[in-house]
N, C-alpha and C. Protein backbone atom coordinates (compact mmCIF):
# COMPACT_ATOMS: atom_id res chain seq x y z
N UNK A 1 0.58 -1.12 -0.08
CA UNK A 1 0.01 -0.13 -0.25
C UNK A 1 0.64 1.13 0.24
N UNK A 2 0.55 2.29 -0.89
CA UNK A 2 0.95 3.69 -0.74
C UNK A 2 1.18 4.10 0.16
N UNK A 3 1.92 4.53 0.94
CA UNK A 3 2.15 5.80 1.65
C UNK A 3 2.33 7.44 1.43
N UNK A 4 0.73 7.42 2.37
CA UNK A 4 0.59 9.52 2.24
C UNK A 4 0.60 9.88 2.61
N UNK A 5 0.76 11.25 2.77
CA UNK A 5 1.51 12.30 3.00
C UNK A 5 0.76 12.59 4.05
N UNK A 6 1.48 13.13 5.17
CA UNK A 6 -0.17 13.98 6.23
C UNK A 6 0.44 14.83 6.38
N UNK A 7 -0.55 15.93 6.97
CA UNK A 7 -0.33 17.96 6.33
C UNK A 7 -0.13 18.08 4.91
N UNK A 8 0.64 19.03 4.70
CA UNK A 8 1.12 20.04 3.72
C UNK A 8 1.57 19.55 2.64
N UNK A 9 2.48 19.62 1.48
CA UNK A 9 3.08 20.69 0.39
C UNK A 9 2.57 21.29 0.05
N UNK A 10 4.62 22.16 -0.12
CA UNK A 10 4.50 22.96 -0.74
C UNK A 10 5.26 22.73 -2.36
N UNK A 11 4.67 22.58 -3.24
CA UNK A 11 5.85 23.08 -4.22
C UNK A 11 5.20 24.37 -5.33
N UNK A 12 6.01 24.63 -6.34
CA UNK A 12 6.92 25.36 -7.49
C UNK A 12 5.65 25.23 -8.33
N UNK A 13 4.67 26.12 -8.87
CA UNK A 13 4.80 25.83 -10.22
C UNK A 13 5.23 26.62 -11.53
N UNK A 14 5.35 26.03 -13.21
CA UNK A 14 6.50 27.28 -13.33
C UNK A 14 5.43 26.59 -15.03
N UNK A 15 5.20 27.98 -15.30
CA UNK A 15 4.47 27.83 -16.91
C UNK A 15 5.63 27.86 -18.13
N UNK A 16 5.66 26.70 -18.88
CA UNK A 16 6.20 26.94 -20.31
C UNK A 16 6.42 27.88 -20.92
N UNK A 17 7.45 28.57 -21.08
CA UNK A 17 7.55 30.13 -22.17
C UNK A 17 7.66 30.00 -23.08
N UNK A 18 6.35 31.23 -23.48
CA UNK A 18 6.01 30.77 -25.48
C UNK A 18 6.96 31.91 -26.06
N UNK A 19 7.21 31.63 -27.20
CA UNK A 19 9.00 33.03 -27.75
C UNK A 19 8.33 33.69 -27.35
N UNK A 20 9.00 35.03 -26.81
CA UNK A 20 8.83 36.28 -26.36
C UNK A 20 9.00 36.45 -24.77
N UNK A 21 8.10 35.18 -24.04
CA UNK A 21 7.85 35.47 -23.72
C UNK A 21 8.22 35.36 -22.41
N UNK A 22 7.50 35.45 -20.88
CA UNK A 22 8.79 34.92 -19.70
C UNK A 22 8.06 33.66 -19.37
N UNK A 23 8.76 32.44 -18.00
CA UNK A 23 8.62 32.08 -17.63
C UNK A 23 7.15 32.17 -16.14
N UNK A 24 6.45 31.87 -15.90
CA UNK A 24 5.77 31.79 -14.86
C UNK A 24 6.06 31.15 -13.64
N UNK A 25 5.69 31.19 -12.44
CA UNK A 25 6.72 30.82 -11.09
C UNK A 25 5.31 31.45 -10.21
N UNK A 26 4.98 30.13 -9.49
CA UNK A 26 3.79 30.94 -8.46
C UNK A 26 4.55 29.92 -7.31
N UNK A 27 3.61 29.60 -5.88
CA UNK A 27 3.69 28.32 -5.02
C UNK A 27 1.94 28.29 -5.31
N UNK A 28 2.52 26.19 -4.65
CA UNK A 28 0.98 25.87 -4.51
C UNK A 28 1.23 25.28 -3.20
N UNK A 29 0.09 23.91 -3.14
CA UNK A 29 0.51 23.63 -1.82
C UNK A 29 -0.48 22.56 -1.74
N UNK A 30 -0.84 21.41 -1.25
CA UNK A 30 -1.80 20.39 -1.95
C UNK A 30 -1.82 19.46 -0.47
N UNK A 31 -2.95 19.02 0.18
CA UNK A 31 -3.20 19.13 1.85
C UNK A 31 -3.98 17.69 0.97
N UNK A 32 -3.55 16.25 1.34
CA UNK A 32 -4.33 15.36 1.00
C UNK A 32 -4.93 15.16 2.62
N UNK A 33 -7.16 14.68 2.59
CA UNK A 33 -7.46 15.20 3.41
C UNK A 33 -8.39 13.37 3.55
N UNK A 34 -7.85 13.20 2.46
CA UNK A 34 -8.08 11.56 3.48
C UNK A 34 -8.01 10.57 1.33
N UNK A 35 -7.67 9.21 2.63
CA UNK A 35 -7.38 8.78 1.08
C UNK A 35 -7.18 7.50 2.04
N UNK A 36 -7.25 5.81 0.80
CA UNK A 36 -7.38 4.25 0.64
C UNK A 36 -6.15 3.86 -0.58
N UNK A 37 -6.35 3.17 -0.44
CA UNK A 37 -5.68 2.58 -1.30
C UNK A 37 -5.96 2.76 -3.02
N UNK A 38 -6.95 2.85 -2.62
CA UNK A 38 -7.55 3.79 -4.78
C UNK A 38 -7.76 4.56 -4.57
N UNK A 39 -8.00 5.74 -3.42
CA UNK A 39 -8.07 7.08 -4.02
C UNK A 39 -7.62 8.13 -2.78
N UNK A 40 -7.16 8.79 -3.37
CA UNK A 40 -7.40 9.90 -2.52
C UNK A 40 -8.10 10.95 -2.69
N UNK A 41 -8.52 12.25 -2.06
CA UNK A 41 -8.97 13.18 -2.39
C UNK A 41 -8.46 14.48 -1.98
N UNK A 42 -8.30 15.17 -2.41
CA UNK A 42 -6.66 16.59 -2.33
C UNK A 42 -7.17 17.94 -2.10
N UNK A 43 -6.69 18.98 -1.65
CA UNK A 43 -7.00 20.81 -1.79
C UNK A 43 -5.95 20.72 -2.93
N UNK A 44 -5.67 21.66 -3.82
CA UNK A 44 -5.04 21.86 -3.98
C UNK A 44 -5.24 23.52 -3.55
N UNK A 45 -3.77 24.43 -3.89
CA UNK A 45 -4.37 25.74 -3.60
C UNK A 45 -3.46 26.53 -4.58
N UNK A 46 -3.94 27.67 -5.13
CA UNK A 46 -2.18 27.94 -5.81
C UNK A 46 -3.23 29.16 -6.85
N UNK A 47 -2.62 30.32 -6.91
CA UNK A 47 -2.00 31.68 -7.03
C UNK A 47 -4.88 31.97 -7.97
N UNK A 48 -4.62 32.08 -6.32
CA UNK A 48 -5.94 32.29 -6.04
C UNK A 48 -7.67 31.38 -6.79
N UNK A 49 -6.94 30.03 -6.49
CA UNK A 49 -7.76 29.51 -6.57
C UNK A 49 -7.18 27.64 -5.30
N UNK A 50 -8.28 27.53 -5.05
CA UNK A 50 -8.99 26.21 -4.13
C UNK A 50 -10.00 25.15 -5.24
N UNK A 51 -8.19 24.23 -5.19
CA UNK A 51 -9.12 23.53 -6.30
C UNK A 51 -10.26 21.64 -5.36
N UNK A 52 -10.45 21.18 -4.92
CA UNK A 52 -11.39 20.28 -4.85
C UNK A 52 -11.15 19.33 -5.55
N UNK A 53 -9.90 18.08 -5.26
CA UNK A 53 -10.33 17.21 -5.78
C UNK A 53 -10.26 15.37 -5.51
N UNK A 54 -10.63 14.39 -6.75
CA UNK A 54 -10.21 13.55 -5.80
C UNK A 54 -9.59 12.77 -6.80
N UNK A 55 -8.39 11.77 -7.02
CA UNK A 55 -7.83 11.04 -7.68
C UNK A 55 -7.75 9.65 -7.12
N UNK A 56 -7.74 8.79 -8.68
CA UNK A 56 -7.96 7.39 -8.19
C UNK A 56 -8.31 6.11 -9.22
N UNK A 57 -7.74 5.32 -8.95
CA UNK A 57 -7.30 4.37 -9.76
C UNK A 57 -8.20 3.09 -10.80
N UNK A 58 -8.60 2.70 -11.89
CA UNK A 58 -9.62 2.61 -12.84
C UNK A 58 -8.52 1.19 -13.43
N UNK A 59 -9.00 -0.02 -14.17
CA UNK A 59 -8.68 -0.63 -14.97
C UNK A 59 -7.33 -0.62 -16.13
N UNK A 60 -7.77 1.26 -16.14
CA UNK A 60 -7.58 1.72 -17.66
C UNK A 60 -6.01 2.63 -16.93
N UNK A 61 -6.20 2.71 -15.92
CA UNK A 61 -4.88 3.02 -15.37
C UNK A 61 -5.27 4.99 -13.60
N UNK A 62 -5.57 5.65 -14.14
CA UNK A 62 -6.05 6.78 -12.50
C UNK A 62 -6.17 8.18 -13.38
N UNK A 63 -7.38 7.85 -13.08
CA UNK A 63 -8.01 9.51 -13.38
C UNK A 63 -7.86 10.46 -11.93
N UNK A 64 -9.40 11.87 -12.30
CA UNK A 64 -9.15 12.82 -11.51
C UNK A 64 -10.26 13.13 -11.39
N UNK A 65 -11.10 13.45 -10.65
CA UNK A 65 -12.09 14.13 -10.61
C UNK A 65 -12.67 15.81 -9.94
N UNK A 66 -12.51 16.76 -10.59
CA UNK A 66 -12.66 18.13 -10.23
C UNK A 66 -14.25 18.05 -9.66
N UNK A 67 -15.53 18.39 -8.78
CA UNK A 67 -16.59 18.36 -9.18
C UNK A 67 -17.19 19.90 -9.01
N UNK A 68 -16.05 20.50 -8.57
CA UNK A 68 -16.56 22.32 -8.46
C UNK A 68 -16.65 22.50 -9.79
N UNK A 69 -16.32 21.46 -10.35
CA UNK A 69 -16.00 22.56 -12.40
C UNK A 69 -17.15 21.07 -12.85
N UNK A 70 -17.51 19.82 -12.50
CA UNK A 70 -18.24 18.98 -13.32
C UNK A 70 -17.04 18.46 -14.30
N UNK A 71 -15.50 18.38 -13.82
CA UNK A 71 -15.11 17.61 -14.63
C UNK A 71 -14.23 16.42 -14.15
N UNK A 72 -13.55 16.10 -14.68
CA UNK A 72 -13.04 15.47 -14.37
C UNK A 72 -12.18 14.43 -16.39
N UNK A 73 -11.04 14.23 -15.84
CA UNK A 73 -10.33 12.88 -16.96
C UNK A 73 -9.34 12.25 -16.28
N UNK A 74 -8.54 11.03 -17.95
CA UNK A 74 -7.52 10.09 -17.30
C UNK A 74 -6.07 10.96 -17.25
N UNK A 75 -5.30 10.44 -16.47
CA UNK A 75 -4.30 11.14 -15.92
C UNK A 75 -3.04 10.16 -16.19
N UNK A 76 -2.34 10.15 -16.88
CA UNK A 76 -0.56 9.78 -16.68
C UNK A 76 -0.34 9.70 -15.25
N UNK A 77 1.48 9.11 -15.65
CA UNK A 77 1.10 8.58 -14.49
C UNK A 77 1.69 9.70 -12.87
N UNK A 78 1.98 10.53 -12.52
CA UNK A 78 2.08 11.41 -10.97
C UNK A 78 2.42 12.71 -11.10
N UNK A 79 3.19 11.97 -11.78
CA UNK A 79 5.51 12.74 -12.31
C UNK A 79 4.92 13.10 -14.20
N UNK A 80 4.10 13.38 -14.27
CA UNK A 80 4.00 13.75 -15.51
C UNK A 80 3.42 14.75 -15.87
N UNK A 81 3.83 16.45 -15.53
CA UNK A 81 3.63 17.37 -15.96
C UNK A 81 2.52 17.86 -17.23
N UNK A 82 3.30 16.89 -18.54
CA UNK A 82 3.53 17.93 -19.59
C UNK A 82 1.90 17.24 -20.28
N UNK A 83 2.05 15.46 -19.90
CA UNK A 83 0.36 15.57 -20.18
C UNK A 83 -0.26 15.38 -19.59
N UNK A 84 -0.06 15.86 -17.80
CA UNK A 84 -1.75 16.02 -17.04
C UNK A 84 -1.82 17.30 -17.60
N UNK A 85 -1.55 17.81 -17.70
CA UNK A 85 -1.04 19.17 -17.88
C UNK A 85 -1.88 19.31 -19.58
N UNK A 86 -1.66 18.90 -20.16
CA UNK A 86 -2.20 18.95 -21.81
C UNK A 86 -4.33 18.06 -21.02
N UNK A 87 -4.00 17.21 -20.86
CA UNK A 87 -5.40 17.02 -20.44
C UNK A 87 -5.96 17.93 -19.75
N UNK A 88 -5.92 17.97 -18.60
CA UNK A 88 -6.40 19.15 -17.76
C UNK A 88 -7.24 20.64 -18.14
N UNK A 89 -6.33 21.43 -18.96
CA UNK A 89 -6.59 22.48 -19.92
C UNK A 89 -7.46 22.08 -20.56
N UNK A 90 -7.59 20.89 -20.87
CA UNK A 90 -8.77 21.18 -21.85
C UNK A 90 -10.46 21.05 -21.10
N UNK A 91 -10.06 21.42 -19.69
CA UNK A 91 -11.09 21.55 -18.40
C UNK A 91 -11.07 22.08 -18.35
N UNK A 92 -9.99 22.78 -17.40
CA UNK A 92 -10.59 24.55 -16.33
C UNK A 92 -9.32 24.46 -17.32
N UNK A 93 -8.96 26.10 -16.72
CA UNK A 93 -8.76 27.27 -17.38
C UNK A 93 -6.45 27.10 -16.73
N UNK A 94 -5.18 27.46 -18.00
CA UNK A 94 -4.30 27.08 -18.36
C UNK A 94 -3.34 26.94 -16.57
N UNK A 95 -3.92 27.80 -15.91
CA UNK A 95 -2.79 28.08 -14.80
C UNK A 95 -3.38 27.12 -13.77
N UNK A 96 -4.43 27.24 -13.90
CA UNK A 96 -5.14 26.05 -12.60
C UNK A 96 -4.80 24.49 -12.57
N UNK A 97 -5.01 24.47 -14.10
CA UNK A 97 -4.35 23.02 -15.31
C UNK A 97 -2.07 22.72 -14.27
N UNK A 98 -2.05 23.52 -14.59
CA UNK A 98 -0.45 24.06 -14.44
C UNK A 98 0.00 23.14 -13.06
N UNK A 99 -1.29 24.05 -11.84
CA UNK A 99 -0.70 23.93 -10.10
C UNK A 99 -1.00 22.27 -10.19
N UNK A 100 -2.42 22.33 -11.14
CA UNK A 100 -3.02 20.39 -10.31
C UNK A 100 -1.54 20.08 -10.68
N UNK A 101 -1.32 20.42 -11.77
CA UNK A 101 -0.14 18.81 -13.09
C UNK A 101 0.57 18.97 -11.29
N UNK A 102 1.77 19.87 -10.92
CA UNK A 102 2.14 20.31 -10.20
C UNK A 102 1.48 20.36 -8.53
N UNK A 103 0.60 19.77 -8.58
CA UNK A 103 0.10 18.99 -6.93
C UNK A 103 0.56 17.56 -6.83
N UNK A 104 0.43 16.39 -8.26
CA UNK A 104 0.43 16.02 -8.96
C UNK A 104 1.99 14.99 -8.37
N UNK A 105 2.28 16.24 -9.32
CA UNK A 105 4.63 15.75 -9.51
C UNK A 105 4.28 15.27 -7.96
N UNK A 106 3.69 16.87 -7.02
CA UNK A 106 4.19 15.68 -5.63
C UNK A 106 4.02 15.82 -5.12
N UNK A 107 2.80 14.72 -4.69
CA UNK A 107 2.43 14.55 -4.34
C UNK A 107 3.25 12.62 -4.96
N UNK A 108 4.05 12.98 -5.94
CA UNK A 108 4.68 11.14 -6.19
C UNK A 108 5.66 11.64 -6.09
N UNK A 109 6.65 12.77 -5.87
CA UNK A 109 7.72 13.02 -4.85
C UNK A 109 8.00 12.47 -3.77
N UNK A 110 6.64 12.71 -2.43
CA UNK A 110 6.01 12.30 -1.43
C UNK A 110 6.10 12.07 -1.79
N UNK A 111 5.82 10.48 -2.03
CA UNK A 111 5.85 9.24 -2.09
C UNK A 111 6.33 8.38 -2.53
N UNK A 112 7.65 9.05 -3.46
CA UNK A 112 8.69 7.57 -4.08
C UNK A 112 8.07 6.80 -5.48
N UNK A 113 6.89 7.02 -6.02
CA UNK A 113 6.47 5.89 -6.40
C UNK A 113 5.20 6.74 -7.56
N UNK A 114 4.63 6.20 -8.75
CA UNK A 114 3.71 7.01 -9.36
C UNK A 114 2.13 6.40 -8.66
N UNK A 115 2.23 5.49 -7.97
CA UNK A 115 0.76 5.45 -7.60
C UNK A 115 0.96 3.61 -7.80
N UNK A 116 0.65 3.75 -9.40
CA UNK A 116 -0.16 2.57 -9.72
C UNK A 116 2.12 1.35 -10.26
């Protein structure tokens, strides 16, 4: 069984710099509110947002559900910022998608694995 963190984890979010623009950075924070072998409930904070999310396992991999904005999608490994950000940005604004993708990577770094 995966050991999930207790308390809060901070992380730094970065957006890829477009041509002629500067890279943006901001702090984020993720709190694991509840967890089991197959799911975890998260509070993700970053750049004026508080995102309630649930991540879980299903037969094809991992997924995320964000009930407050009526959305969800499959995830790659938790540490895959690029793929997760791309999938999430189809359902939410780019800043929040970047924040959630970095929060997922912070979780994988803490647990030492990508959950699956």
